[in-house]
Amino acid sequence: MAKKPFKKEPEHILNERIRGHQVRVVGDDIEGGVFLLKEALELAKEMELDLILINPNANPPVCRLADYGKFLYERKKKLKEQEKNTVKVVVKEVKFTPNTDTNDFNFKAKHALEFLKEGKKVKASVFFRGREMAFKERGEIMLLNLAKEVEEYGIPESMPKLEGKNMIMLIKPKPIKN
């Protein structure tokens, strides 16, 4: 038995599949308005275009008169453009313990500074194990010292807060002055 080629269902409701009595028709080359569904379908056939249901929840539902292939192409192009213009926020993490030595602290603070210079957010966290929970103040002091070390390039987005066995603080890069 031969396999039939897979045909993808259109993601919009088109032409005769549209249900309802009246529709609001919009398009590039037409005078928009509310039409009976039959009239809108006839108009689409006359202009050799498709009637595409855009907003089924409106009263009356909104349809666009356009070539469906061209419509999808322009929509895809617009989404790509929007995606290109969005800023992707990268968060880098720097981990400490309440007993982190000053050399280790300076080493990790230098890394956090580099991340901030690159425009990335830094999530600084202090992990408490077992009895170290008694030294919560040490962890908070360590995170505040980190904020002081990187204050030239970063601003604390949130103050240190304890979440389970972790104390976390977010530092965002300072806006670049033009």
C-alpha atoms as a PDB file:
ATOM      1  CA  MET A   1       0.000   0.000   0.000  1.00  0.00           C
ATOM      2  CA  ALA A   2       1.499   3.325  -1.058  1.00  0.00           C
ATOM      3  CA  LYS A   3       1.842   6.055   1.543  1.00  0.00           C
ATOM      4  CA  LYS A   4      -0.042   9.278   0.980  1.00  0.00           C
ATOM      5  CA  PRO A   5       2.023  12.447   1.192  1.00  0.00           C
ATOM      6  CA  PHE A   6       1.622  14.179   4.551  1.00  0.00           C
ATOM      7  CA  LYS A   7      -0.362  17.361   4.115  1.00  0.00           C
ATOM      8  CA  LYS A   8      -0.153  19.820   6.996  1.00  0.00           C
ATOM      9  CA  GLU A   9      -3.390  21.356   8.222  1.00  0.00           C
ATOM     10  CA  PRO A  10      -3.439  25.141   7.842  1.00  0.00           C
ATOM     11  CA  GLU A  11      -2.958  26.911  11.154  1.00  0.00           C
ATOM     12  CA  HIS A  12      -5.759  29.374  10.363  1.00  0.00           C
ATOM     13  CA  ILE A  13      -9.375  28.760   9.422  1.00  0.00           C
ATOM     14  CA  LEU A  14      -9.863  29.608   5.743  1.00  0.00           C
ATOM     15  CA  ASN A  15     -12.687  30.301   3.300  1.00  0.00           C
ATOM     16  CA  GLU A  16     -15.559  27.786   3.519  1.00  0.00           C
ATOM     17  CA  ARG A  17     -14.396  26.462   6.914  1.00  0.00           C
ATOM     18  CA  ILE A  18     -15.298  29.785   8.562  1.00  0.00           C
ATOM     19  CA  ARG A  19     -18.538  29.576  10.527  1.00  0.00           C
ATOM     20  CA  GLY A  20     -20.866  32.408  11.406  1.00  0.00           C
ATOM     21  CA  HIS A  21     -23.385  34.726   9.857  1.00  0.00           C
ATOM     22  CA  GLN A  22     -21.449  37.992   9.593  1.00  0.00           C
ATOM     23  CA  VAL A  23     -17.724  38.808   9.499  1.00  0.00           C
ATOM     24  CA  ARG A  24     -15.692  41.998   9.632  1.00  0.00           C
ATOM     25  CA  VAL A  25     -13.429  42.027   6.573  1.00  0.00           C
ATOM     26  CA  VAL A  26     -10.082  43.825   6.509  1.00  0.00           C
ATOM     27  CA  GLY A  27      -7.407  43.870   3.838  1.00  0.00           C
ATOM     28  CA  ASP A  28      -4.905  45.990   1.965  1.00  0.00           C
ATOM     29  CA  ASP A  29      -6.855  46.870  -1.200  1.00  0.00           C
ATOM     30  CA  ILE A  30     -10.430  46.825   0.071  1.00  0.00           C
ATOM     31  CA  GLU A  31     -12.785  49.038   1.979  1.00  0.00           C
ATOM     32  CA  GLY A  32     -13.203  47.233   5.311  1.00  0.00           C
ATOM     33  CA  GLY A  33     -16.578  46.635   6.849  1.00  0.00           C
ATOM     34  CA  VAL A  34     -19.054  44.083   8.129  1.00  0.00           C
ATOM     35  CA  PHE A  35     -20.305  41.652   5.478  1.00  0.00           C
ATOM     36  CA  LEU A  36     -22.483  38.580   5.415  1.00  0.00           C
ATOM     37  CA  LEU A  37     -20.244  35.504   5.235  1.00  0.00           C
ATOM     38  CA  LYS A  38     -21.572  34.629   1.744  1.00  0.00           C
ATOM     39  CA  GLU A  39     -20.753  38.127   0.435  1.00  0.00           C
ATOM     40  CA  ALA A  40     -17.259  38.008   1.948  1.00  0.00           C
ATOM     41  CA  LEU A  41     -16.555  34.618   0.325  1.00  0.00           C
ATOM     42  CA  GLU A  42     -17.800  35.912  -3.049  1.00  0.00           C
ATOM     43  CA  LEU A  43     -15.570  38.992  -2.704  1.00  0.00           C
ATOM     44  CA  ALA A  44     -12.595  36.736  -1.947  1.00  0.00           C
ATOM     45  CA  LYS A  45     -13.324  34.596  -5.037  1.00  0.00           C
ATOM     46  CA  GLU A  46     -13.672  37.696  -7.225  1.00  0.00           C
ATOM     47  CA  MET A  47     -10.299  39.026  -6.078  1.00  0.00           C
ATOM     48  CA  GLU A  48      -8.719  35.525  -6.204  1.00  0.00           C
ATOM     49  CA  LEU A  49      -7.714  35.773  -2.545  1.00  0.00           C
ATOM     50  CA  ASP A  50      -8.364  33.750   0.600  1.00  0.00           C
ATOM     51  CA  LEU A  51     -10.606  34.737   3.477  1.00  0.00           C
ATOM     52  CA  ILE A  52      -8.500  34.110   6.605  1.00  0.00           C
ATOM     53  CA  LEU A  53     -10.076  34.102  10.071  1.00  0.00           C
ATOM     54  CA  ILE A  54      -7.849  36.331  12.228  1.00  0.00           C
ATOM     55  CA  ASN A  55      -9.848  36.887  15.413  1.00  0.00           C
ATOM     56  CA  PRO A  56     -12.696  34.431  15.995  1.00  0.00           C
ATOM     57  CA  ASN A  57     -13.509  35.889  19.449  1.00  0.00           C
ATOM     58  CA  ALA A  58     -14.418  39.377  18.210  1.00  0.00           C
ATOM     59  CA  ASN A  59     -18.003  40.312  17.556  1.00  0.00           C
ATOM     60  CA  PRO A  60     -18.353  39.898  14.537  1.00  0.00           C
ATOM     61  CA  PRO A  61     -15.283  37.695  13.838  1.00  0.00           C
ATOM     62  CA  VAL A  62     -12.457  39.458  11.972  1.00  0.00           C
ATOM     63  CA  CYS A  63     -11.246  38.051   8.639  1.00  0.00           C
ATOM     64  CA  ARG A  64      -8.472  39.208   6.322  1.00  0.00           C
ATOM     65  CA  LEU A  65      -8.588  39.098   2.549  1.00  0.00           C
ATOM     66  CA  ALA A  66      -5.110  38.010   1.406  1.00  0.00           C
ATOM     67  CA  ASP A  67      -3.160  35.328  -0.425  1.00  0.00           C
ATOM     68  CA  TYR A  68      -2.646  32.703   2.304  1.00  0.00           C
ATOM     69  CA  GLY A  69       0.882  31.776   1.216  1.00  0.00           C
ATOM     70  CA  LYS A  70       1.976  35.404   1.169  1.00  0.00           C
ATOM     71  CA  PHE A  71       0.215  35.983   4.500  1.00  0.00           C
ATOM     72  CA  LEU A  72       2.166  33.127   6.147  1.00  0.00           C
ATOM     73  CA  TYR A  73       5.443  34.315   4.620  1.00  0.00           C
ATOM     74  CA  GLU A  74       4.986  37.886   5.911  1.00  0.00           C
ATOM     75  CA  ARG A  75       3.937  36.624   9.342  1.00  0.00           C
ATOM     76  CA  LYS A  76       7.002  34.372   9.560  1.00  0.00           C
ATOM     77  CA  LYS A  77       9.231  37.244   8.462  1.00  0.00           C
ATOM     78  CA  LYS A  78       7.715  39.569  11.083  1.00  0.00           C
ATOM     79  CA  LEU A  79       8.229  36.964  13.856  1.00  0.00           C
ATOM     80  CA  LYS A  80      11.883  36.527  12.840  1.00  0.00           C
ATOM     81  CA  GLU A  81      12.384  40.287  12.962  1.00  0.00           C
ATOM     82  CA  GLN A  82      10.822  40.473  16.439  1.00  0.00           C
ATOM     83  CA  GLU A  83      12.997  37.582  17.626  1.00  0.00           C
ATOM     84  CA  LYS A  84      16.094  39.322  16.282  1.00  0.00           C
ATOM     85  CA  ASN A  85      15.264  42.525  18.156  1.00  0.00           C
ATOM     86  CA  THR A  86      14.677  40.867  21.539  1.00  0.00           C
ATOM     87  CA  VAL A  87      17.480  41.016  24.063  1.00  0.00           C
ATOM     88  CA  LYS A  88      18.438  37.659  25.463  1.00  0.00           C
ATOM     89  CA  VAL A  89      19.359  37.928  29.144  1.00  0.00           C
ATOM     90  CA  VAL A  90      22.143  35.599  30.182  1.00  0.00           C
ATOM     91  CA  VAL A  91      22.526  34.808  33.877  1.00  0.00           C
ATOM     92  CA  LYS A  92      25.885  33.565  35.142  1.00  0.00           C
ATOM     93  CA  GLU A  93      26.203  32.075  38.619  1.00  0.00           C
ATOM     94  CA  VAL A  94      28.972  32.531  41.168  1.00  0.00           C
ATOM     95  CA  LYS A  95      28.805  30.164  44.165  1.00  0.00           C
ATOM     96  CA  PHE A  96      30.273  30.600  47.633  1.00  0.00           C
ATOM     97  CA  THR A  97      30.110  28.868  51.006  1.00  0.00           C
ATOM     98  CA  PRO A  98      30.099  30.754  54.335  1.00  0.00           C
ATOM     99  CA  ASN A  99      33.727  29.624  54.835  1.00  0.00           C
ATOM    100  CA  THR A 100      35.027  30.818  51.431  1.00  0.00           C
ATOM    101  CA  ASP A 101      38.545  32.237  51.902  1.00  0.00           C
ATOM    102  CA  THR A 102      39.452  35.790  50.792  1.00  0.00           C
ATOM    103  CA  ASN A 103      41.618  34.606  47.860  1.00  0.00           C
ATOM    104  CA  ASP A 104      38.795  32.434  46.538  1.00  0.00           C
ATOM    105  CA  PHE A 105      36.343  35.278  47.118  1.00  0.00           C
ATOM    106  CA  ASN A 106      38.538  37.722  45.134  1.00  0.00           C
ATOM    107  CA  PHE A 107      38.946  35.173  42.316  1.00  0.00           C
ATOM    108  CA  LYS A 108      35.185  34.667  42.024  1.00  0.00           C
ATOM    109  CA  ALA A 109      34.486  38.421  42.383  1.00  0.00           C
ATOM    110  CA  LYS A 110      36.838  39.008  39.423  1.00  0.00           C
ATOM    111  CA  HIS A 111      34.806  36.520  37.364  1.00  0.00           C
ATOM    112  CA  ALA A 112      31.547  38.231  38.384  1.00  0.00           C
ATOM    113  CA  LEU A 113      33.056  41.569  37.311  1.00  0.00           C
ATOM    114  CA  GLU A 114      33.962  40.152  33.891  1.00  0.00           C
ATOM    115  CA  PHE A 115      30.422  38.791  33.440  1.00  0.00           C
ATOM    116  CA  LEU A 116      28.962  42.217  34.284  1.00  0.00           C
ATOM    117  CA  LYS A 117      31.336  43.941  31.840  1.00  0.00           C
ATOM    118  CA  GLU A 118      30.010  41.582  29.131  1.00  0.00           C
ATOM    119  CA  GLY A 119      26.455  42.702  29.963  1.00  0.00           C
ATOM    120  CA  LYS A 120      25.372  39.488  31.702  1.00  0.00           C
ATOM    121  CA  LYS A 121      23.447  39.235  34.955  1.00  0.00           C
ATOM    122  CA  VAL A 122      25.196  37.563  37.891  1.00  0.00           C
ATOM    123  CA  LYS A 123      23.447  35.306  40.359  1.00  0.00           C
ATOM    124  CA  ALA A 124      25.599  35.123  43.472  1.00  0.00           C
ATOM    125  CA  SER A 125      24.701  32.354  45.891  1.00  0.00           C
ATOM    126  CA  VAL A 126      26.001  31.084  49.199  1.00  0.00           C
ATOM    127  CA  PHE A 127      25.282  27.412  49.892  1.00  0.00           C
ATOM    128  CA  PHE A 128      24.889  26.324  53.510  1.00  0.00           C
ATOM    129  CA  ARG A 129      25.564  22.708  54.517  1.00  0.00           C
ATOM    130  CA  GLY A 130      24.534  21.176  57.817  1.00  0.00           C
ATOM    131  CA  ARG A 131      25.570  23.356  60.766  1.00  0.00           C
ATOM    132  CA  GLU A 132      26.655  26.197  58.511  1.00  0.00           C
ATOM    133  CA  MET A 133      23.016  27.402  58.685  1.00  0.00           C
ATOM    134  CA  ALA A 134      24.023  28.974  62.011  1.00  0.00           C
ATOM    135  CA  PHE A 135      26.267  31.407  60.074  1.00  0.00           C
ATOM    136  CA  LYS A 136      23.654  33.048  57.863  1.00  0.00           C
ATOM    137  CA  GLU A 137      25.140  36.478  58.672  1.00  0.00           C
ATOM    138  CA  ARG A 138      28.484  35.421  57.128  1.00  0.00           C
ATOM    139  CA  GLY A 139      26.735  34.552  53.888  1.00  0.00           C
ATOM    140  CA  GLU A 140      24.844  37.846  53.812  1.00  0.00           C
ATOM    141  CA  ILE A 141      28.024  39.822  54.536  1.00  0.00           C
ATOM    142  CA  MET A 142      29.823  37.927  51.756  1.00  0.00           C
ATOM    143  CA  LEU A 143      27.115  38.775  49.211  1.00  0.00           C
ATOM    144  CA  LEU A 144      27.046  42.437  50.253  1.00  0.00           C
ATOM    145  CA  ASN A 145      30.861  42.575  49.934  1.00  0.00           C
ATOM    146  CA  LEU A 146      30.525  41.148  46.418  1.00  0.00           C
ATOM    147  CA  ALA A 147      28.004  43.874  45.567  1.00  0.00           C
ATOM    148  CA  LYS A 148      30.485  46.468  46.873  1.00  0.00           C
ATOM    149  CA  GLU A 149      33.329  44.928  44.815  1.00  0.00           C
ATOM    150  CA  VAL A 150      31.372  45.114  41.526  1.00  0.00           C
ATOM    151  CA  GLU A 151      29.449  48.360  42.163  1.00  0.00           C
ATOM    152  CA  GLU A 152      31.342  50.113  39.335  1.00  0.00           C
ATOM    153  CA  TYR A 153      29.774  47.751  36.747  1.00  0.00           C
ATOM    154  CA  GLY A 154      26.721  46.279  38.477  1.00  0.00           C
ATOM    155  CA  ILE A 155      23.693  47.127  40.592  1.00  0.00           C
ATOM    156  CA  PRO A 156      22.085  44.625  42.997  1.00  0.00           C
ATOM    157  CA  GLU A 157      18.681  43.732  41.569  1.00  0.00           C
ATOM    158  CA  SER A 158      17.619  42.077  44.800  1.00  0.00           C
ATOM    159  CA  MET A 159      19.069  42.036  48.277  1.00  0.00           C
ATOM    160  CA  PRO A 160      20.360  38.720  49.688  1.00  0.00           C
ATOM    161  CA  LYS A 161      17.499  36.397  50.572  1.00  0.00           C
ATOM    162  CA  LEU A 162      17.495  32.886  51.958  1.00  0.00           C
ATOM    163  CA  GLU A 163      15.761  30.214  49.878  1.00  0.00           C
ATOM    164  CA  GLY A 164      16.122  26.823  51.535  1.00  0.00           C
ATOM    165  CA  LYS A 165      19.859  26.155  51.944  1.00  0.00           C
ATOM    166  CA  ASN A 166      20.870  28.909  49.508  1.00  0.00           C
ATOM    167  CA  MET A 167      21.197  32.639  50.039  1.00  0.00           C
ATOM    168  CA  ILE A 168      20.811  34.339  46.670  1.00  0.00           C
ATOM    169  CA  MET A 169      21.418  37.832  45.309  1.00  0.00           C
ATOM    170  CA  LEU A 170      21.010  38.998  41.690  1.00  0.00           C
ATOM    171  CA  ILE A 171      23.268  41.687  40.254  1.00  0.00           C
ATOM    172  CA  LYS A 172      22.420  43.338  36.948  1.00  0.00           C
ATOM    173  CA  PRO A 173      24.869  45.257  34.762  1.00  0.00           C
ATOM    174  CA  LYS A 174      24.746  49.043  34.875  1.00  0.00           C
ATOM    175  CA  PRO A 175      23.248  50.639  31.765  1.00  0.00           C
ATOM    176  CA  ILE A 176      25.869  51.798  29.266  1.00  0.00           C
ATOM    177  CA  LYS A 177      26.016  55.596  29.000  1.00  0.00           C
ATOM    178  CA  ASN A 178      26.221  56.959  25.452  1.00  0.00           C
END
